[in-house]
Amino acid sequence: LPPEDNLNSSPKLDTQRQQKAREYGRIERRFTY
């Protein structure tokens, strides 16, 4: 899990986790099919 952001800051979308999210989704869908 990404480290806790400073609650007073504006977090950015994590590009590394987005890549992993797409990988995770593809594998899950493959097994579902």
Full PDB file with SEQRES, HELIX, SHEET, SSBOND, CRYST1, ORIGX, SCALE, CONECT and MASTER records, all heavy atoms in Angstrom:
SEQRES   1 A   33  LEU PRO PRO GLU ASP ASN LEU ASN SER SER PRO LYS LEU          
SEQRES   2 A   33  ASP THR GLN ARG GLN GLN LYS ALA ARG GLU TYR GLY ARG          
SEQRES   3 A   33  ILE GLU ARG ARG PHE THR TYR                                  
HELIX    1 AA1 THR A   15  THR A   32  1                                  18    
CRYST1    1.000    1.000    1.000  90.00  90.00  90.00 P 1           1          
ORIGX1      1.000000  0.000000  0.000000        0.00000                         
ORIGX2      0.000000  1.000000  0.000000        0.00000                         
ORIGX3      0.000000  0.000000  1.000000        0.00000                         
SCALE1      1.000000  0.000000  0.000000        0.00000                         
SCALE2      0.000000  1.000000  0.000000        0.00000                         
SCALE3      0.000000  0.000000  1.000000        0.00000                         
ATOM      1  N   LEU A   1       0.839  -1.187   0.000  1.00  0.00           N  
ATOM      2  CA  LEU A   1       0.000   0.000   0.000  1.00  0.00           C  
ATOM      3  C   LEU A   1       0.877   1.240   0.000  1.00  0.00           C  
ATOM      4  O   LEU A   1       1.897   1.285   0.680  1.00  0.00           O  
ATOM      5  CB  LEU A   1      -0.887  -0.019   1.250  1.00  0.00           C  
ATOM      6  CG  LEU A   1      -1.972   1.056   1.384  1.00  0.00           C  
ATOM      7  CD1 LEU A   1      -3.040   0.839   0.327  1.00  0.00           C  
ATOM      8  CD2 LEU A   1      -2.585   0.998   2.772  1.00  0.00           C  
ATOM      9  N   PRO A   2       0.495   2.279  -0.768  1.00  0.00           N  
ATOM     10  CA  PRO A   2       1.321   3.487  -0.789  1.00  0.00           C  
ATOM     11  C   PRO A   2       1.370   4.130   0.583  1.00  0.00           C  
ATOM     12  O   PRO A   2       0.435   4.015   1.365  1.00  0.00           O  
ATOM     13  CB  PRO A   2       0.587   4.389  -1.803  1.00  0.00           C  
ATOM     14  CG  PRO A   2      -0.809   3.907  -1.805  1.00  0.00           C  
ATOM     15  CD  PRO A   2      -0.714   2.423  -1.579  1.00  0.00           C  
ATOM     16  N   PRO A   3       2.462   4.807   0.897  1.00  0.00           N  
ATOM     17  CA  PRO A   3       2.567   5.441   2.210  1.00  0.00           C  
ATOM     18  C   PRO A   3       1.498   6.505   2.390  1.00  0.00           C  
ATOM     19  O   PRO A   3       0.986   7.073   1.424  1.00  0.00           O  
ATOM     20  CB  PRO A   3       3.968   6.057   2.189  1.00  0.00           C  
ATOM     21  CG  PRO A   3       4.291   6.230   0.750  1.00  0.00           C  
ATOM     22  CD  PRO A   3       3.633   5.083   0.046  1.00  0.00           C  
ATOM     23  N   GLU A   4       1.143   6.740   3.636  1.00  0.00           N  
ATOM     24  CA  GLU A   4       0.118   7.718   3.952  1.00  0.00           C  
ATOM     25  C   GLU A   4       0.556   9.098   3.496  1.00  0.00           C  
ATOM     26  O   GLU A   4       1.655   9.552   3.781  1.00  0.00           O  
ATOM     27  CB  GLU A   4      -0.090   7.715   5.464  1.00  0.00           C  
ATOM     28  CG  GLU A   4      -1.505   8.036   5.874  1.00  0.00           C  
ATOM     29  CD  GLU A   4      -1.697   7.823   7.363  1.00  0.00           C  
ATOM     30  OE1 GLU A   4      -1.379   6.730   7.825  1.00  0.00           O  
ATOM     31  OE2 GLU A   4      -2.138   8.768   8.023  1.00  0.00           O  
ATOM     32  N   ASP A   5      -0.333   9.776   2.756  1.00  0.00           N  
ATOM     33  CA  ASP A   5      -0.020  11.128   2.312  1.00  0.00           C  
ATOM     34  C   ASP A   5      -0.222  12.108   3.464  1.00  0.00           C  
ATOM     35  O   ASP A   5      -0.998  11.877   4.386  1.00  0.00           O  
ATOM     36  CB  ASP A   5      -0.943  11.518   1.150  1.00  0.00           C  
ATOM     37  CG  ASP A   5      -0.679  10.708  -0.095  1.00  0.00           C  
ATOM     38  OD1 ASP A   5       0.437  10.783  -0.610  1.00  0.00           O  
ATOM     39  OD2 ASP A   5      -1.599   9.999  -0.542  1.00  0.00           O  
ATOM     40  N   ASN A   6       0.456  13.218   3.387  1.00  0.00           N  
ATOM     41  CA  ASN A   6       0.192  14.303   4.319  1.00  0.00           C  
ATOM     42  C   ASN A   6      -1.238  14.789   4.090  1.00  0.00           C  
ATOM     43  O   ASN A   6      -1.616  15.137   2.972  1.00  0.00           O  
ATOM     44  CB  ASN A   6       1.189  15.441   4.062  1.00  0.00           C  
ATOM     45  CG  ASN A   6       1.067  16.541   5.094  1.00  0.00           C  
ATOM     46  OD1 ASN A   6      -0.005  16.818   5.609  1.00  0.00           O  
ATOM     47  ND2 ASN A   6       2.195  17.176   5.380  1.00  0.00           N  
ATOM     48  N   LEU A   7      -2.053  14.784   5.158  1.00  0.00           N  
ATOM     49  CA  LEU A   7      -3.470  15.121   4.986  1.00  0.00           C  
ATOM     50  C   LEU A   7      -3.672  16.565   4.554  1.00  0.00           C  
ATOM     51  O   LEU A   7      -4.755  16.927   4.116  1.00  0.00           O  
ATOM     52  CB  LEU A   7      -4.226  14.835   6.284  1.00  0.00           C  
ATOM     53  CG  LEU A   7      -4.266  13.365   6.714  1.00  0.00           C  
ATOM     54  CD1 LEU A   7      -5.123  13.198   7.957  1.00  0.00           C  
ATOM     55  CD2 LEU A   7      -4.794  12.494   5.585  1.00  0.00           C  
ATOM     56  N   ASN A   8      -2.669  17.384   4.700  1.00  0.00           N  
ATOM     57  CA  ASN A   8      -2.780  18.773   4.261  1.00  0.00           C  
ATOM     58  C   ASN A   8      -2.298  18.981   2.830  1.00  0.00           C  
ATOM     59  O   ASN A   8      -2.340  20.083   2.310  1.00  0.00           O  
ATOM     60  CB  ASN A   8      -1.981  19.679   5.201  1.00  0.00           C  
ATOM     61  CG  ASN A   8      -2.538  19.675   6.624  1.00  0.00           C  
ATOM     62  OD1 ASN A   8      -3.754  19.708   6.796  1.00  0.00           O  
ATOM     63  ND2 ASN A   8      -1.658  19.627   7.611  1.00  0.00           N  
ATOM     64  N   SER A   9      -1.809  17.896   2.185  1.00  0.00           N  
ATOM     65  CA  SER A   9      -1.304  18.015   0.821  1.00  0.00           C  
ATOM     66  C   SER A   9      -2.337  17.496  -0.165  1.00  0.00           C  
ATOM     67  O   SER A   9      -3.354  16.919   0.212  1.00  0.00           O  
ATOM     68  CB  SER A   9      -0.005  17.220   0.676  1.00  0.00           C  
ATOM     69  OG  SER A   9      -0.266  15.829   0.810  1.00  0.00           O  
ATOM     70  N   SER A  10      -2.088  17.705  -1.441  1.00  0.00           N  
ATOM     71  CA  SER A  10      -2.971  17.210  -2.495  1.00  0.00           C  
ATOM     72  C   SER A  10      -2.321  15.998  -3.147  1.00  0.00           C  
ATOM     73  O   SER A  10      -1.344  16.141  -3.892  1.00  0.00           O  
ATOM     74  CB  SER A  10      -3.214  18.303  -3.548  1.00  0.00           C  
ATOM     75  OG  SER A  10      -3.878  19.403  -2.986  1.00  0.00           O  
ATOM     76  N   PRO A  11      -2.834  14.805  -2.879  1.00  0.00           N  
ATOM     77  CA  PRO A  11      -2.211  13.603  -3.442  1.00  0.00           C  
ATOM     78  C   PRO A  11      -2.387  13.554  -4.958  1.00  0.00           C  
ATOM     79  O   PRO A  11      -3.348  14.087  -5.505  1.00  0.00           O  
ATOM     80  CB  PRO A  11      -2.978  12.459  -2.762  1.00  0.00           C  
ATOM     81  CG  PRO A  11      -4.303  13.047  -2.421  1.00  0.00           C  
ATOM     82  CD  PRO A  11      -4.035  14.486  -2.082  1.00  0.00           C  
ATOM     83  N   LYS A  12      -1.434  12.925  -5.623  1.00  0.00           N  
ATOM     84  CA  LYS A  12      -1.491  12.745  -7.066  1.00  0.00           C  
ATOM     85  C   LYS A  12      -1.842  11.297  -7.378  1.00  0.00           C  
ATOM     86  O   LYS A  12      -1.568  10.390  -6.583  1.00  0.00           O  
ATOM     87  CB  LYS A  12      -0.140  13.085  -7.701  1.00  0.00           C  
ATOM     88  CG  LYS A  12       0.361  14.492  -7.389  1.00  0.00           C  
ATOM     89  CD  LYS A  12      -0.576  15.566  -7.919  1.00  0.00           C  
ATOM     90  CE  LYS A  12      -0.007  16.962  -7.649  1.00  0.00           C  
ATOM     91  NZ  LYS A  12      -0.930  18.030  -8.106  1.00  0.00           N  
ATOM     92  N   LEU A  13      -2.439  11.096  -8.536  1.00  0.00           N  
ATOM     93  CA  LEU A  13      -2.754   9.740  -8.964  1.00  0.00           C  
ATOM     94  C   LEU A  13      -1.447   8.979  -9.155  1.00  0.00           C  
ATOM     95  O   LEU A  13      -0.555   9.419  -9.871  1.00  0.00           O  
ATOM     96  CB  LEU A  13      -3.548   9.775 -10.269  1.00  0.00           C  
ATOM     97  CG  LEU A  13      -4.204   8.462 -10.695  1.00  0.00           C  
ATOM     98  CD1 LEU A  13      -5.262   8.020  -9.686  1.00  0.00           C  
ATOM     99  CD2 LEU A  13      -4.849   8.619 -12.072  1.00  0.00           C  
ATOM    100  N   ASP A  14      -1.328   7.837  -8.500  1.00  0.00           N  
ATOM    101  CA  ASP A  14      -0.100   7.045  -8.502  1.00  0.00           C  
ATOM    102  C   ASP A  14      -0.010   6.251  -9.812  1.00  0.00           C  
ATOM    103  O   ASP A  14      -0.774   5.308 -10.026  1.00  0.00           O  
ATOM    104  CB  ASP A  14      -0.114   6.100  -7.300  1.00  0.00           C  
ATOM    105  CG  ASP A  14       1.227   5.422  -7.067  1.00  0.00           C  
ATOM    106  OD1 ASP A  14       1.862   5.016  -8.059  1.00  0.00           O  
ATOM    107  OD2 ASP A  14       1.627   5.269  -5.894  1.00  0.00           O  
ATOM    108  N   THR A  15       0.906   6.636 -10.691  1.00  0.00           N  
ATOM    109  CA  THR A  15       1.010   5.980 -12.001  1.00  0.00           C  
ATOM    110  C   THR A  15       1.452   4.525 -11.879  1.00  0.00           C  
ATOM    111  O   THR A  15       1.018   3.671 -12.662  1.00  0.00           O  
ATOM    112  CB  THR A  15       1.990   6.750 -12.902  1.00  0.00           C  
ATOM    113  OG1 THR A  15       3.254   6.866 -12.234  1.00  0.00           O  
ATOM    114  CG2 THR A  15       1.444   8.124 -13.222  1.00  0.00           C  
ATOM    115  N   GLN A  16       2.298   4.224 -10.905  1.00  0.00           N  
ATOM    116  CA  GLN A  16       2.742   2.845 -10.717  1.00  0.00           C  
ATOM    117  C   GLN A  16       1.571   1.962 -10.296  1.00  0.00           C  
ATOM    118  O   GLN A  16       1.388   0.852 -10.814  1.00  0.00           O  
ATOM    119  CB  GLN A  16       3.850   2.764  -9.665  1.00  0.00           C  
ATOM    120  CG  GLN A  16       4.349   1.325  -9.446  1.00  0.00           C  
ATOM    121  CD  GLN A  16       5.293   1.200  -8.265  1.00  0.00           C  
ATOM    122  OE1 GLN A  16       5.436   2.124  -7.479  1.00  0.00           O  
ATOM    123  NE2 GLN A  16       5.920   0.052  -8.136  1.00  0.00           N  
ATOM    124  N   ARG A  17       0.755   2.474  -9.375  1.00  0.00           N  
ATOM    125  CA  ARG A  17      -0.399   1.680  -8.945  1.00  0.00           C  
ATOM    126  C   ARG A  17      -1.441   1.557 -10.044  1.00  0.00           C  
ATOM    127  O   ARG A  17      -2.169   0.560 -10.117  1.00  0.00           O  
ATOM    128  CB  ARG A  17      -1.007   2.284  -7.669  1.00  0.00           C  
ATOM    129  CG  ARG A  17      -0.127   2.070  -6.451  1.00  0.00           C  
ATOM    130  CD  ARG A  17      -0.783   2.568  -5.180  1.00  0.00           C  
ATOM    131  NE  ARG A  17      -1.935   1.771  -4.785  1.00  0.00           N  
ATOM    132  CZ  ARG A  17      -1.855   0.598  -4.148  1.00  0.00           C  
ATOM    133  NH1 ARG A  17      -0.678   0.063  -3.864  1.00  0.00           N  
ATOM    134  NH2 ARG A  17      -2.949  -0.038  -3.807  1.00  0.00           N  
ATOM    135  N   GLN A  18      -1.520   2.565 -10.914  1.00  0.00           N  
ATOM    136  CA  GLN A  18      -2.436   2.443 -12.045  1.00  0.00           C  
ATOM    137  C   GLN A  18      -2.010   1.320 -12.981  1.00  0.00           C  
ATOM    138  O   GLN A  18      -2.840   0.562 -13.495  1.00  0.00           O  
ATOM    139  CB  GLN A  18      -2.517   3.768 -12.801  1.00  0.00           C  
ATOM    140  CG  GLN A  18      -3.477   4.769 -12.176  1.00  0.00           C  
ATOM    141  CD  GLN A  18      -4.870   4.213 -12.046  1.00  0.00           C  
ATOM    142  OE1 GLN A  18      -5.549   3.950 -13.042  1.00  0.00           O  
ATOM    143  NE2 GLN A  18      -5.328   4.019 -10.822  1.00  0.00           N  
ATOM    144  N   GLN A  19      -0.716   1.204 -13.212  1.00  0.00           N  
ATOM    145  CA  GLN A  19      -0.226   0.096 -14.042  1.00  0.00           C  
ATOM    146  C   GLN A  19      -0.555  -1.241 -13.392  1.00  0.00           C  
ATOM    147  O   GLN A  19      -1.008  -2.180 -14.066  1.00  0.00           O  
ATOM    148  CB  GLN A  19       1.290   0.226 -14.230  1.00  0.00           C  
ATOM    149  CG  GLN A  19       1.887  -0.903 -15.074  1.00  0.00           C  
ATOM    150  CD  GLN A  19       3.401  -0.797 -15.173  1.00  0.00           C  
ATOM    151  OE1 GLN A  19       4.001   0.196 -14.773  1.00  0.00           O  
ATOM    152  NE2 GLN A  19       4.033  -1.837 -15.708  1.00  0.00           N  
ATOM    153  N   LYS A  20      -0.347  -1.336 -12.081  1.00  0.00           N  
ATOM    154  CA  LYS A  20      -0.659  -2.570 -11.378  1.00  0.00           C  
ATOM    155  C   LYS A  20      -2.159  -2.839 -11.364  1.00  0.00           C  
ATOM    156  O   LYS A  20      -2.591  -3.990 -11.450  1.00  0.00           O  
ATOM    157  CB  LYS A  20      -0.128  -2.511  -9.941  1.00  0.00           C  
ATOM    158  CG  LYS A  20       1.380  -2.301  -9.844  1.00  0.00           C  
ATOM    159  CD  LYS A  20       2.145  -3.341 -10.631  1.00  0.00           C  
ATOM    160  CE  LYS A  20       3.647  -3.108 -10.544  1.00  0.00           C  
ATOM    161  NZ  LYS A  20       4.411  -4.043 -11.378  1.00  0.00           N  
ATOM    162  N   ALA A  21      -2.972  -1.783 -11.249  1.00  0.00           N  
ATOM    163  CA  ALA A  21      -4.429  -1.953 -11.255  1.00  0.00           C  
ATOM    164  C   ALA A  21      -4.890  -2.553 -12.581  1.00  0.00           C  
ATOM    165  O   ALA A  21      -5.769  -3.431 -12.610  1.00  0.00           O  
ATOM    166  CB  ALA A  21      -5.119  -0.612 -11.017  1.00  0.00           C  
ATOM    167  N   ARG A  22      -4.311  -2.078 -13.692  1.00  0.00           N  
ATOM    168  CA  ARG A  22      -4.681  -2.627 -15.004  1.00  0.00           C  
ATOM    169  C   ARG A  22      -4.239  -4.085 -15.123  1.00  0.00           C  
ATOM    170  O   ARG A  22      -4.973  -4.925 -15.670  1.00  0.00           O  
ATOM    171  CB  ARG A  22      -4.077  -1.767 -16.108  1.00  0.00           C  
ATOM    172  CG  ARG A  22      -4.745  -0.391 -16.235  1.00  0.00           C  
ATOM    173  CD  ARG A  22      -4.262   0.344 -17.475  1.00  0.00           C  
ATOM    174  NE  ARG A  22      -2.881   0.803 -17.323  1.00  0.00           N  
ATOM    175  CZ  ARG A  22      -2.537   1.975 -16.806  1.00  0.00           C  
ATOM    176  NH1 ARG A  22      -3.448   2.813 -16.361  1.00  0.00           N  
ATOM    177  NH2 ARG A  22      -1.260   2.336 -16.725  1.00  0.00           N  
ATOM    178  N   GLU A  23      -3.033  -4.388 -14.629  1.00  0.00           N  
ATOM    179  CA  GLU A  23      -2.561  -5.785 -14.655  1.00  0.00           C  
ATOM    180  C   GLU A  23      -3.473  -6.679 -13.828  1.00  0.00           C  
ATOM    181  O   GLU A  23      -3.887  -7.765 -14.269  1.00  0.00           O  
ATOM    182  CB  GLU A  23      -1.134  -5.861 -14.100  1.00  0.00           C  
ATOM    183  CG  GLU A  23      -0.077  -5.233 -14.979  1.00  0.00           C  
ATOM    184  CD  GLU A  23       1.298  -5.268 -14.308  1.00  0.00           C  
ATOM    185  OE1 GLU A  23       1.399  -5.861 -13.203  1.00  0.00           O  
ATOM    186  OE2 GLU A  23       2.257  -4.714 -14.872  1.00  0.00           O  
ATOM    187  N   TYR A  24      -3.778  -6.227 -12.628  1.00  0.00           N  
ATOM    188  CA  TYR A  24      -4.622  -6.986 -11.710  1.00  0.00           C  
ATOM    189  C   TYR A  24      -5.987  -7.241 -12.343  1.00  0.00           C  
ATOM    190  O   TYR A  24      -6.522  -8.360 -12.305  1.00  0.00           O  
ATOM    191  CB  TYR A  24      -4.749  -6.190 -10.407  1.00  0.00           C  
ATOM    192  CG  TYR A  24      -5.409  -6.910  -9.264  1.00  0.00           C  
ATOM    193  CD1 TYR A  24      -5.482  -8.291  -9.203  1.00  0.00           C  
ATOM    194  CD2 TYR A  24      -5.953  -6.182  -8.197  1.00  0.00           C  
ATOM    195  CE1 TYR A  24      -6.071  -8.933  -8.130  1.00  0.00           C  
ATOM    196  CE2 TYR A  24      -6.536  -6.820  -7.120  1.00  0.00           C  
ATOM    197  CZ  TYR A  24      -6.595  -8.193  -7.094  1.00  0.00           C  
ATOM    198  OH  TYR A  24      -7.185  -8.821  -6.030  1.00  0.00           O  
ATOM    199  N   GLY A  25      -6.569  -6.197 -12.931  1.00  0.00           N  
ATOM    200  CA  GLY A  25      -7.877  -6.339 -13.557  1.00  0.00           C  
ATOM    201  C   GLY A  25      -7.865  -7.324 -14.717  1.00  0.00           C  
ATOM    202  O   GLY A  25      -8.785  -8.128 -14.877  1.00  0.00           O  
ATOM    203  N   ARG A  26      -6.798  -7.259 -15.539  1.00  0.00           N  
ATOM    204  CA  ARG A  26      -6.712  -8.180 -16.683  1.00  0.00           C  
ATOM    205  C   ARG A  26      -6.626  -9.628 -16.220  1.00  0.00           C  
ATOM    206  O   ARG A  26      -7.287 -10.516 -16.779  1.00  0.00           O  
ATOM    207  CB  ARG A  26      -5.494  -7.826 -17.547  1.00  0.00           C  
ATOM    208  CG  ARG A  26      -5.699  -6.647 -18.476  1.00  0.00           C  
ATOM    209  CD  ARG A  26      -4.636  -6.619 -19.568  1.00  0.00           C  
ATOM    210  NE  ARG A  26      -3.301  -6.496 -19.009  1.00  0.00           N  
ATOM    211  CZ  ARG A  26      -2.692  -5.326 -18.790  1.00  0.00           C  
ATOM    212  NH1 ARG A  26      -3.311  -4.192 -19.061  1.00  0.00           N  
ATOM    213  NH2 ARG A  26      -1.458  -5.292 -18.303  1.00  0.00           N  
ATOM    214  N   ILE A  27      -5.815  -9.888 -15.198  1.00  0.00           N  
ATOM    215  CA  ILE A  27      -5.662 -11.262 -14.715  1.00  0.00           C  
ATOM    216  C   ILE A  27      -6.973 -11.767 -14.113  1.00  0.00           C  
ATOM    217  O   ILE A  27      -7.397 -12.900 -14.367  1.00  0.00           O  
ATOM    218  CB  ILE A  27      -4.517 -11.346 -13.678  1.00  0.00           C  
ATOM    219  CG1 ILE A  27      -3.191 -10.984 -14.331  1.00  0.00           C  
ATOM    220  CG2 ILE A  27      -4.433 -12.748 -13.083  1.00  0.00           C  
ATOM    221  CD1 ILE A  27      -2.047 -10.819 -13.338  1.00  0.00           C  
ATOM    222  N   GLU A  28      -7.624 -10.908 -13.313  1.00  0.00           N  
ATOM    223  CA  GLU A  28      -8.906 -11.312 -12.720  1.00  0.00           C  
ATOM    224  C   GLU A  28      -9.937 -11.632 -13.794  1.00  0.00           C  
ATOM    225  O   GLU A  28     -10.654 -12.641 -13.697  1.00  0.00           O  
ATOM    226  CB  GLU A  28      -9.436 -10.199 -11.821  1.00  0.00           C  
ATOM    227  CG  GLU A  28      -8.865 -10.189 -10.423  1.00  0.00           C  
ATOM    228  CD  GLU A  28      -9.691  -9.328  -9.488  1.00  0.00           C  
ATOM    229  OE1 GLU A  28     -10.007  -8.184  -9.867  1.00  0.00           O  
ATOM    230  OE2 GLU A  28     -10.024  -9.787  -8.394  1.00  0.00           O  
ATOM    231  N   ARG A  29     -10.020 -10.782 -14.811  1.00  0.00           N  
ATOM    232  CA  ARG A  29     -10.999 -11.023 -15.879  1.00  0.00           C  
ATOM    233  C   ARG A  29     -10.670 -12.302 -16.644  1.00  0.00           C  
ATOM    234  O   ARG A  29     -11.575 -13.054 -17.028  1.00  0.00           O  
ATOM    235  CB  ARG A  29     -11.049  -9.819 -16.825  1.00  0.00           C  
ATOM    236  CG  ARG A  29     -11.708  -8.593 -16.215  1.00  0.00           C  
ATOM    237  CD  ARG A  29     -11.965  -7.517 -17.243  1.00  0.00           C  
ATOM    238  NE  ARG A  29     -10.745  -6.915 -17.742  1.00  0.00           N  
ATOM    239  CZ  ARG A  29     -10.134  -5.879 -17.164  1.00  0.00           C  
ATOM    240  NH1 ARG A  29     -10.603  -5.371 -16.044  1.00  0.00           N  
ATOM    241  NH2 ARG A  29      -9.050  -5.358 -17.701  1.00  0.00           N  
ATOM    242  N   ARG A  30      -9.385 -12.554 -16.848  1.00  0.00           N  
ATOM    243  CA  ARG A  30      -8.986 -13.767 -17.562  1.00  0.00           C  
ATOM    244  C   ARG A  30      -9.471 -15.012 -16.814  1.00  0.00           C  
ATOM    245  O   ARG A  30     -10.027 -15.934 -17.417  1.00  0.00           O  
ATOM    246  CB  ARG A  30      -7.469 -13.781 -17.723  1.00  0.00           C  
ATOM    247  CG  ARG A  30      -6.947 -14.878 -18.640  1.00  0.00           C  
ATOM    248  CD  ARG A  30      -5.431 -14.790 -18.725  1.00  0.00           C  
ATOM    249  NE  ARG A  30      -4.986 -13.452 -19.097  1.00  0.00           N  
ATOM    250  CZ  ARG A  30      -3.846 -12.915 -18.721  1.00  0.00           C  
ATOM    251  NH1 ARG A  30      -3.034 -13.591 -17.926  1.00  0.00           N  
ATOM    252  NH2 ARG A  30      -3.507 -11.710 -19.124  1.00  0.00           N  
ATOM    253  N   PHE A  31      -9.270 -15.025 -15.517  1.00  0.00           N  
ATOM    254  CA  PHE A  31      -9.723 -16.171 -14.726  1.00  0.00           C  
ATOM    255  C   PHE A  31     -11.249 -16.243 -14.674  1.00  0.00           C  
ATOM    256  O   PHE A  31     -11.820 -17.340 -14.632  1.00  0.00           O  
ATOM    257  CB  PHE A  31      -9.137 -16.107 -13.313  1.00  0.00           C  
ATOM    258  CG  PHE A  31      -7.774 -16.733 -13.214  1.00  0.00           C  
ATOM    259  CD1 PHE A  31      -6.638 -16.020 -13.579  1.00  0.00           C  
ATOM    260  CD2 PHE A  31      -7.623 -18.036 -12.789  1.00  0.00           C  
ATOM    261  CE1 PHE A  31      -5.375 -16.587 -13.498  1.00  0.00           C  
ATOM    262  CE2 PHE A  31      -6.359 -18.624 -12.709  1.00  0.00           C  
ATOM    263  CZ  PHE A  31      -5.241 -17.898 -13.067  1.00  0.00           C  
ATOM    264  N   THR A  32     -11.907 -15.107 -14.674  1.00  0.00           N  
ATOM    265  CA  THR A  32     -13.371 -15.097 -14.706  1.00  0.00           C  
ATOM    266  C   THR A  32     -13.886 -15.723 -15.993  1.00  0.00           C  
ATOM    267  O   THR A  32     -14.844 -16.516 -15.983  1.00  0.00           O  
ATOM    268  CB  THR A  32     -13.907 -13.663 -14.570  1.00  0.00           C  
ATOM    269  OG1 THR A  32     -13.483 -13.119 -13.318  1.00  0.00           O  
ATOM    270  CG2 THR A  32     -15.429 -13.636 -14.638  1.00  0.00           C  
ATOM    271  N   TYR A  33     -13.258 -15.395 -17.134  1.00  0.00           N  
ATOM    272  CA  TYR A  33     -13.675 -15.960 -18.414  1.00  0.00           C  
ATOM    273  C   TYR A  33     -13.456 -17.473 -18.440  1.00  0.00           C  
ATOM    274  O   TYR A  33     -14.310 -18.227 -18.924  1.00  0.00           O  
ATOM    275  CB  TYR A  33     -12.910 -15.308 -19.563  1.00  0.00           C  
ATOM    276  CG  TYR A  33     -13.089 -13.814 -19.681  1.00  0.00           C  
ATOM    277  CD1 TYR A  33     -12.075 -12.998 -20.194  1.00  0.00           C  
ATOM    278  CD2 TYR A  33     -14.263 -13.198 -19.265  1.00  0.00           C  
ATOM    279  CE1 TYR A  33     -12.232 -11.629 -20.289  1.00  0.00           C  
ATOM    280  CE2 TYR A  33     -14.425 -11.831 -19.360  1.00  0.00           C  
ATOM    281  CZ  TYR A  33     -13.405 -11.056 -19.871  1.00  0.00           C  
ATOM    282  OH  TYR A  33     -13.557  -9.698 -19.964  1.00  0.00           O  
TER     283      TYR A  33                                                      
MASTER        0    0    0    1    0    0    0    6  282    1    0    3          
END                                                                             
